[in-house]
């Protein structure tokens, strides 16, 4: 992940997690997301079956704050971002997810909150999953 041509976050094998925060999200939901991310079994086992978690395989996590996940383009031709939480609410919750994952011993890389980031992603496999907690 780059900001102004500087690499600010990079991982090896693991998960790229885009985190969006909406108005009614709170610390309890951030903690539930940590539990889900650390434990969800979407990494391949020795037989190529999604049966291991990022924790099981010693994987890493790249956390990308992404308010645009709450963009609504259902009307008109320009999306509205009104469902996205304000930065003052969102940033501490994204940081709580990062610190919660690190507390579990997972290596976590991040971007910069509110920065224009360029994210390069190699999606190794067929899985893209949306988690709502």
N, C-alpha and C. Protein backbone atom coordinates (compact mmCIF):
# COMPACT_ATOMS: atom_id res chain seq x y z
N UNK A 1 0.85 -1.15 0.00
CA UNK A 1 0.00 0.00 0.00
C UNK A 1 0.90 1.23 0.00
N UNK A 2 0.61 2.17 -0.88
CA UNK A 2 1.44 3.36 -1.03
C UNK A 2 0.64 4.62 -0.74
N UNK A 3 1.31 5.59 -0.16
CA UNK A 3 0.80 6.94 0.02
C UNK A 3 1.90 7.87 -0.46
N UNK A 4 1.59 8.71 -1.44
CA UNK A 4 2.58 9.63 -2.00
C UNK A 4 3.87 8.91 -2.40
N UNK A 5 3.73 7.81 -3.12
CA UNK A 5 4.85 7.01 -3.62
C UNK A 5 5.73 6.41 -2.52
N UNK A 6 5.23 6.34 -1.30
CA UNK A 6 5.94 5.70 -0.19
C UNK A 6 5.17 4.47 0.25
N UNK A 7 5.86 3.33 0.36
CA UNK A 7 5.22 2.12 0.86
C UNK A 7 4.96 2.31 2.36
N UNK A 8 3.69 2.27 2.74
CA UNK A 8 3.34 2.46 4.15
C UNK A 8 2.83 1.17 4.80
N UNK A 9 2.49 0.17 4.00
CA UNK A 9 2.02 -1.09 4.54
C UNK A 9 2.13 -2.19 3.52
N UNK A 10 2.64 -3.33 3.93
CA UNK A 10 2.77 -4.48 3.04
C UNK A 10 2.75 -5.75 3.88
N UNK A 11 2.21 -6.82 3.30
CA UNK A 11 2.19 -8.11 3.98
C UNK A 11 2.59 -9.20 2.99
N UNK A 12 2.85 -10.37 3.54
CA UNK A 12 3.05 -11.57 2.74
C UNK A 12 1.72 -12.30 2.64
N UNK A 13 1.75 -13.59 2.89
CA UNK A 13 0.54 -14.40 2.85
C UNK A 13 -0.40 -13.97 3.96
N UNK A 14 -1.65 -13.78 3.63
CA UNK A 14 -2.62 -13.39 4.65
C UNK A 14 -3.88 -12.81 4.04
N UNK A 15 -4.44 -11.85 4.75
CA UNK A 15 -5.72 -11.26 4.37
C UNK A 15 -5.57 -9.77 4.12
N UNK A 16 -6.20 -9.29 3.07
CA UNK A 16 -6.37 -7.86 2.85
C UNK A 16 -7.80 -7.55 3.29
N UNK A 17 -7.93 -6.71 4.30
CA UNK A 17 -9.22 -6.44 4.92
C UNK A 17 -9.57 -4.96 4.74
N UNK A 18 -10.65 -4.71 4.00
CA UNK A 18 -11.16 -3.35 3.85
C UNK A 18 -12.21 -3.16 4.94
N UNK A 19 -11.98 -2.18 5.82
CA UNK A 19 -12.86 -1.97 6.97
C UNK A 19 -13.64 -0.68 6.77
N UNK A 20 -14.96 -0.82 6.74
CA UNK A 20 -15.85 0.33 6.67
C UNK A 20 -16.60 0.46 7.99
N UNK A 21 -16.82 1.70 8.41
CA UNK A 21 -17.52 1.96 9.67
C UNK A 21 -18.75 2.80 9.37
N UNK A 22 -19.88 2.41 9.95
CA UNK A 22 -21.10 3.17 9.81
C UNK A 22 -21.48 3.76 11.16
N UNK A 23 -22.53 4.55 11.19
CA UNK A 23 -22.89 5.36 12.36
C UNK A 23 -23.17 4.57 13.63
N UNK A 24 -23.76 3.39 13.51
CA UNK A 24 -24.12 2.65 14.72
C UNK A 24 -23.07 1.62 15.12
N UNK A 25 -21.92 1.62 14.48
CA UNK A 25 -20.83 0.73 14.90
C UNK A 25 -20.20 1.24 16.19
N UNK A 26 -19.74 0.29 17.01
CA UNK A 26 -19.15 0.64 18.29
C UNK A 26 -17.99 -0.31 18.60
N UNK A 27 -17.42 -0.16 19.78
CA UNK A 27 -16.27 -0.99 20.17
C UNK A 27 -16.61 -2.47 20.19
N UNK A 28 -17.82 -2.81 20.61
CA UNK A 28 -18.21 -4.22 20.65
C UNK A 28 -18.19 -4.83 19.25
N UNK A 29 -18.63 -4.08 18.27
CA UNK A 29 -18.60 -4.59 16.90
C UNK A 29 -17.18 -4.69 16.37
N UNK A 30 -16.33 -3.76 16.73
CA UNK A 30 -14.92 -3.84 16.34
C UNK A 30 -14.29 -5.10 16.94
N UNK A 31 -14.61 -5.39 18.19
CA UNK A 31 -14.08 -6.60 18.85
C UNK A 31 -14.61 -7.87 18.19
N UNK A 32 -15.88 -7.88 17.79
CA UNK A 32 -16.43 -9.04 17.08
C UNK A 32 -15.73 -9.23 15.73
N UNK A 33 -15.42 -8.13 15.07
CA UNK A 33 -14.71 -8.23 13.80
C UNK A 33 -13.33 -8.85 13.99
N UNK A 34 -12.65 -8.45 15.05
CA UNK A 34 -11.34 -9.05 15.36
C UNK A 34 -11.49 -10.56 15.54
N UNK A 35 -12.48 -10.98 16.30
CA UNK A 35 -12.71 -12.41 16.51
C UNK A 35 -12.95 -13.13 15.19
N UNK A 36 -13.78 -12.55 14.35
CA UNK A 36 -14.09 -13.18 13.06
C UNK A 36 -12.87 -13.24 12.17
N UNK A 37 -12.12 -12.14 12.07
CA UNK A 37 -10.95 -12.11 11.19
C UNK A 37 -9.88 -13.09 11.65
N UNK A 38 -9.67 -13.17 12.94
CA UNK A 38 -8.64 -14.08 13.47
C UNK A 38 -9.03 -15.54 13.33
N UNK A 39 -10.32 -15.82 13.31
CA UNK A 39 -10.77 -17.20 13.35
C UNK A 39 -11.42 -17.75 12.10
N UNK A 40 -11.80 -16.89 11.16
CA UNK A 40 -12.51 -17.40 9.99
C UNK A 40 -11.60 -18.33 9.18
N UNK A 41 -12.14 -19.48 8.82
CA UNK A 41 -11.34 -20.52 8.16
C UNK A 41 -11.47 -20.39 6.65
N UNK A 42 -10.61 -19.53 6.08
CA UNK A 42 -10.63 -19.33 4.63
C UNK A 42 -9.26 -19.52 4.00
N UNK A 43 -8.31 -20.01 4.78
CA UNK A 43 -6.97 -20.30 4.27
C UNK A 43 -6.88 -21.80 4.00
N UNK A 44 -6.18 -22.16 2.94
CA UNK A 44 -6.09 -23.57 2.55
C UNK A 44 -5.31 -24.41 3.56
N UNK A 45 -5.78 -25.64 3.74
CA UNK A 45 -5.00 -26.62 4.49
C UNK A 45 -4.12 -27.39 3.52
N UNK A 46 -3.50 -28.46 3.96
CA UNK A 46 -2.58 -29.23 3.11
C UNK A 46 -3.28 -29.89 1.93
N UNK A 47 -4.59 -30.05 2.02
CA UNK A 47 -5.36 -30.66 0.93
C UNK A 47 -6.01 -29.62 0.02
N UNK A 48 -5.69 -28.35 0.23
CA UNK A 48 -6.26 -27.30 -0.61
C UNK A 48 -7.68 -26.93 -0.25
N UNK A 49 -8.11 -27.29 0.94
CA UNK A 49 -9.46 -26.99 1.41
C UNK A 49 -9.39 -25.79 2.35
N UNK A 50 -10.30 -24.84 2.19
CA UNK A 50 -10.34 -23.68 3.10
C UNK A 50 -10.76 -24.16 4.48
N UNK A 51 -9.76 -24.46 5.30
CA UNK A 51 -10.03 -25.07 6.58
C UNK A 51 -9.16 -24.48 7.69
N UNK A 52 -8.36 -23.46 7.36
CA UNK A 52 -7.48 -22.86 8.35
C UNK A 52 -7.72 -21.35 8.42
N UNK A 53 -7.42 -20.80 9.57
CA UNK A 53 -7.54 -19.35 9.76
C UNK A 53 -6.19 -18.69 9.52
N UNK A 54 -6.21 -17.38 9.42
CA UNK A 54 -4.96 -16.64 9.29
C UNK A 54 -4.07 -16.89 10.50
N UNK A 55 -4.66 -17.09 11.66
CA UNK A 55 -3.92 -17.42 12.86
C UNK A 55 -3.25 -18.79 12.73
N UNK A 56 -4.00 -19.77 12.21
CA UNK A 56 -3.48 -21.12 12.05
C UNK A 56 -2.26 -21.18 11.14
N UNK A 57 -2.25 -20.36 10.09
CA UNK A 57 -1.17 -20.44 9.10
C UNK A 57 -0.07 -19.42 9.36
N UNK A 58 -0.19 -18.64 10.44
CA UNK A 58 0.81 -17.62 10.72
C UNK A 58 0.79 -16.50 9.70
N UNK A 59 -0.39 -16.25 9.14
CA UNK A 59 -0.54 -15.22 8.12
C UNK A 59 -0.58 -13.82 8.71
N UNK A 60 -0.57 -12.86 7.83
CA UNK A 60 -0.58 -11.45 8.19
C UNK A 60 -1.87 -10.81 7.70
N UNK A 61 -2.14 -9.60 8.19
CA UNK A 61 -3.35 -8.90 7.79
C UNK A 61 -3.00 -7.48 7.39
N UNK A 62 -3.50 -7.06 6.23
CA UNK A 62 -3.39 -5.67 5.79
C UNK A 62 -4.75 -5.04 6.00
N UNK A 63 -4.83 -4.07 6.90
CA UNK A 63 -6.09 -3.39 7.20
C UNK A 63 -6.13 -2.06 6.46
N UNK A 64 -7.17 -1.89 5.65
CA UNK A 64 -7.35 -0.69 4.86
C UNK A 64 -8.67 -0.04 5.28
N UNK A 65 -8.60 1.15 5.86
CA UNK A 65 -9.83 1.86 6.19
C UNK A 65 -10.49 2.29 4.89
N UNK A 66 -11.81 2.05 4.77
CA UNK A 66 -12.47 2.24 3.48
C UNK A 66 -13.89 2.74 3.67
N UNK A 67 -14.06 4.05 3.82
CA UNK A 67 -15.40 4.61 4.02
C UNK A 67 -16.29 4.39 2.81
N UNK A 68 -15.70 4.21 1.63
CA UNK A 68 -16.52 4.06 0.42
C UNK A 68 -17.31 2.76 0.39
N UNK A 69 -17.01 1.83 1.31
CA UNK A 69 -17.83 0.62 1.40
C UNK A 69 -19.27 0.96 1.74
N UNK A 70 -19.48 2.10 2.36
CA UNK A 70 -20.83 2.54 2.70
C UNK A 70 -21.39 3.53 1.69
N UNK A 71 -20.82 3.57 0.50
CA UNK A 71 -21.36 4.40 -0.57
C UNK A 71 -22.70 3.84 -1.04
N UNK A 72 -23.63 4.71 -1.33
CA UNK A 72 -24.95 4.31 -1.81
C UNK A 72 -25.19 4.95 -3.17
N UNK A 73 -25.24 4.12 -4.20
CA UNK A 73 -25.47 4.61 -5.55
C UNK A 73 -26.82 4.14 -6.08
N UNK A 74 -27.77 3.93 -5.17
CA UNK A 74 -29.08 3.40 -5.58
C UNK A 74 -29.95 4.45 -6.26
N UNK A 75 -29.59 5.71 -6.10
CA UNK A 75 -30.38 6.78 -6.72
C UNK A 75 -29.43 7.75 -7.42
N UNK A 76 -29.86 8.24 -8.54
CA UNK A 76 -29.05 9.21 -9.25
C UNK A 76 -27.80 8.60 -9.83
N UNK A 77 -26.86 9.47 -10.18
CA UNK A 77 -25.63 9.00 -10.82
C UNK A 77 -24.40 9.27 -9.98
N UNK A 78 -24.61 9.80 -8.81
CA UNK A 78 -23.47 10.06 -7.92
C UNK A 78 -23.76 9.45 -6.56
N UNK A 79 -22.81 8.66 -6.04
CA UNK A 79 -23.05 8.01 -4.75
C UNK A 79 -23.09 9.03 -3.61
N UNK A 80 -23.80 8.65 -2.58
CA UNK A 80 -23.78 9.41 -1.33
C UNK A 80 -23.02 8.60 -0.30
N UNK A 81 -22.37 9.29 0.60
CA UNK A 81 -21.56 8.62 1.62
C UNK A 81 -22.19 8.82 3.00
N UNK A 82 -23.47 9.15 3.04
CA UNK A 82 -24.11 9.50 4.32
C UNK A 82 -24.15 8.34 5.31
N UNK A 83 -24.06 7.11 4.86
CA UNK A 83 -24.07 5.96 5.79
C UNK A 83 -22.70 5.72 6.43
N UNK A 84 -21.67 6.33 5.88
CA UNK A 84 -20.32 6.16 6.44
C UNK A 84 -20.18 7.04 7.69
N UNK A 85 -19.54 6.50 8.70
CA UNK A 85 -19.31 7.25 9.93
C UNK A 85 -18.30 8.37 9.67
N UNK A 86 -18.41 9.42 10.44
CA UNK A 86 -17.45 10.51 10.37
C UNK A 86 -16.08 10.00 10.82
N UNK A 87 -15.01 10.60 10.32
CA UNK A 87 -13.66 10.15 10.67
C UNK A 87 -13.41 10.10 12.18
N UNK A 88 -13.98 11.01 12.92
CA UNK A 88 -13.77 11.05 14.38
C UNK A 88 -14.31 9.79 15.05
N UNK A 89 -15.35 9.19 14.47
CA UNK A 89 -15.89 7.94 15.00
C UNK A 89 -15.18 6.74 14.39
N UNK A 90 -14.90 6.80 13.11
CA UNK A 90 -14.37 5.65 12.39
C UNK A 90 -12.93 5.32 12.75
N UNK A 91 -12.08 6.32 12.85
CA UNK A 91 -10.66 6.06 13.06
C UNK A 91 -10.37 5.27 14.33
N UNK A 92 -10.96 5.63 15.47
CA UNK A 92 -10.69 4.83 16.68
C UNK A 92 -11.17 3.38 16.56
N UNK A 93 -12.25 3.15 15.82
CA UNK A 93 -12.74 1.79 15.67
C UNK A 93 -11.84 0.97 14.75
N UNK A 94 -11.35 1.57 13.69
CA UNK A 94 -10.39 0.88 12.82
C UNK A 94 -9.12 0.57 13.61
N UNK A 95 -8.66 1.53 14.40
CA UNK A 95 -7.47 1.30 15.24
C UNK A 95 -7.72 0.20 16.26
N UNK A 96 -8.94 0.09 16.75
CA UNK A 96 -9.27 -0.97 17.71
C UNK A 96 -9.16 -2.34 17.03
N UNK A 97 -9.59 -2.43 15.78
CA UNK A 97 -9.46 -3.68 15.04
C UNK A 97 -7.97 -4.03 14.87
N UNK A 98 -7.18 -3.05 14.48
CA UNK A 98 -5.74 -3.27 14.30
C UNK A 98 -5.10 -3.74 15.60
N UNK A 99 -5.36 -3.04 16.69
CA UNK A 99 -4.72 -3.40 17.96
C UNK A 99 -5.24 -4.74 18.47
N UNK A 100 -6.51 -5.05 18.22
CA UNK A 100 -7.05 -6.35 18.63
C UNK A 100 -6.39 -7.50 17.91
N UNK A 101 -6.14 -7.33 16.62
CA UNK A 101 -5.45 -8.37 15.85
C UNK A 101 -4.01 -8.52 16.34
N UNK A 102 -3.36 -7.40 16.58
CA UNK A 102 -1.97 -7.45 17.08
C UNK A 102 -1.91 -8.11 18.45
N UNK A 103 -2.90 -7.85 19.29
CA UNK A 103 -2.94 -8.47 20.61
C UNK A 103 -3.02 -9.99 20.51
N UNK A 104 -3.51 -10.51 19.39
CA UNK A 104 -3.59 -11.95 19.16
C UNK A 104 -2.32 -12.50 18.52
N UNK A 105 -1.33 -11.65 18.37
CA UNK A 105 -0.05 -12.08 17.80
C UNK A 105 0.00 -12.06 16.29
N UNK A 106 -0.98 -11.45 15.66
CA UNK A 106 -1.02 -11.38 14.20
C UNK A 106 -0.25 -10.14 13.74
N UNK A 107 0.60 -10.31 12.74
CA UNK A 107 1.31 -9.18 12.15
C UNK A 107 0.30 -8.40 11.31
N UNK A 108 0.20 -7.10 11.59
CA UNK A 108 -0.77 -6.25 10.90
C UNK A 108 -0.06 -5.06 10.29
N UNK A 109 -0.35 -4.80 9.02
CA UNK A 109 0.11 -3.59 8.34
C UNK A 109 -1.11 -2.74 8.03
N UNK A 110 -0.91 -1.44 7.97
CA UNK A 110 -2.02 -0.53 7.69
C UNK A 110 -1.58 0.54 6.70
N UNK A 111 -2.56 1.26 6.27
CA UNK A 111 -2.30 2.45 5.47
C UNK A 111 -2.28 3.65 6.39
N UNK A 112 -2.68 4.78 5.86
CA UNK A 112 -2.82 6.00 6.65
C UNK A 112 -4.25 6.46 6.55
N UNK A 113 -4.85 6.65 7.69
CA UNK A 113 -6.25 7.06 7.74
C UNK A 113 -6.41 8.41 7.03
N UNK A 114 -7.41 8.52 6.19
CA UNK A 114 -7.78 9.72 5.43
C UNK A 114 -6.77 10.10 4.35
N UNK A 115 -5.86 9.20 4.02
CA UNK A 115 -4.89 9.48 2.96
C UNK A 115 -5.38 8.86 1.66
N UNK A 116 -4.94 9.39 0.55
CA UNK A 116 -5.19 8.80 -0.75
C UNK A 116 -4.19 7.66 -0.92
N UNK A 117 -4.70 6.43 -0.86
CA UNK A 117 -3.83 5.26 -0.85
C UNK A 117 -3.96 4.50 -2.16
N UNK A 118 -2.86 3.95 -2.59
CA UNK A 118 -2.83 3.05 -3.73
C UNK A 118 -2.58 1.66 -3.19
N UNK A 119 -3.53 0.76 -3.42
CA UNK A 119 -3.43 -0.60 -2.88
C UNK A 119 -3.22 -1.57 -4.02
N UNK A 120 -2.12 -2.30 -3.97
CA UNK A 120 -1.85 -3.37 -4.92
C UNK A 120 -2.18 -4.67 -4.22
N UNK A 121 -2.98 -5.50 -4.89
CA UNK A 121 -3.46 -6.72 -4.27
C UNK A 121 -3.28 -7.89 -5.23
N UNK A 122 -2.68 -8.95 -4.73
CA UNK A 122 -2.64 -10.21 -5.46
C UNK A 122 -3.63 -11.13 -4.77
N UNK A 123 -4.74 -11.40 -5.44
CA UNK A 123 -5.77 -12.25 -4.87
C UNK A 123 -5.46 -13.68 -5.25
N UNK A 124 -4.87 -14.42 -4.33
CA UNK A 124 -4.43 -15.78 -4.56
C UNK A 124 -5.55 -16.74 -4.18
N UNK A 125 -6.49 -16.91 -5.07
CA UNK A 125 -7.59 -17.80 -4.81
C UNK A 125 -8.92 -17.15 -5.10
N UNK A 126 -9.96 -17.91 -4.96
CA UNK A 126 -11.27 -17.44 -5.38
C UNK A 126 -12.07 -16.71 -4.31
N UNK A 127 -11.51 -16.44 -3.17
CA UNK A 127 -12.33 -15.99 -2.05
C UNK A 127 -12.26 -14.48 -1.81
N UNK A 128 -13.41 -13.84 -1.92
CA UNK A 128 -13.61 -12.48 -1.45
C UNK A 128 -14.88 -12.54 -0.63
N UNK A 129 -14.77 -12.20 0.65
CA UNK A 129 -15.89 -12.40 1.57
C UNK A 129 -16.22 -11.09 2.25
N UNK A 130 -17.53 -10.80 2.35
CA UNK A 130 -17.96 -9.63 3.09
C UNK A 130 -18.45 -10.11 4.46
N UNK A 131 -17.86 -9.55 5.51
CA UNK A 131 -18.27 -9.88 6.87
C UNK A 131 -19.03 -8.70 7.46
N UNK A 132 -20.24 -8.94 7.91
CA UNK A 132 -20.99 -7.94 8.66
C UNK A 132 -21.08 -8.45 10.08
N UNK A 133 -20.64 -7.64 11.03
CA UNK A 133 -20.71 -8.07 12.44
C UNK A 133 -21.64 -7.20 13.22
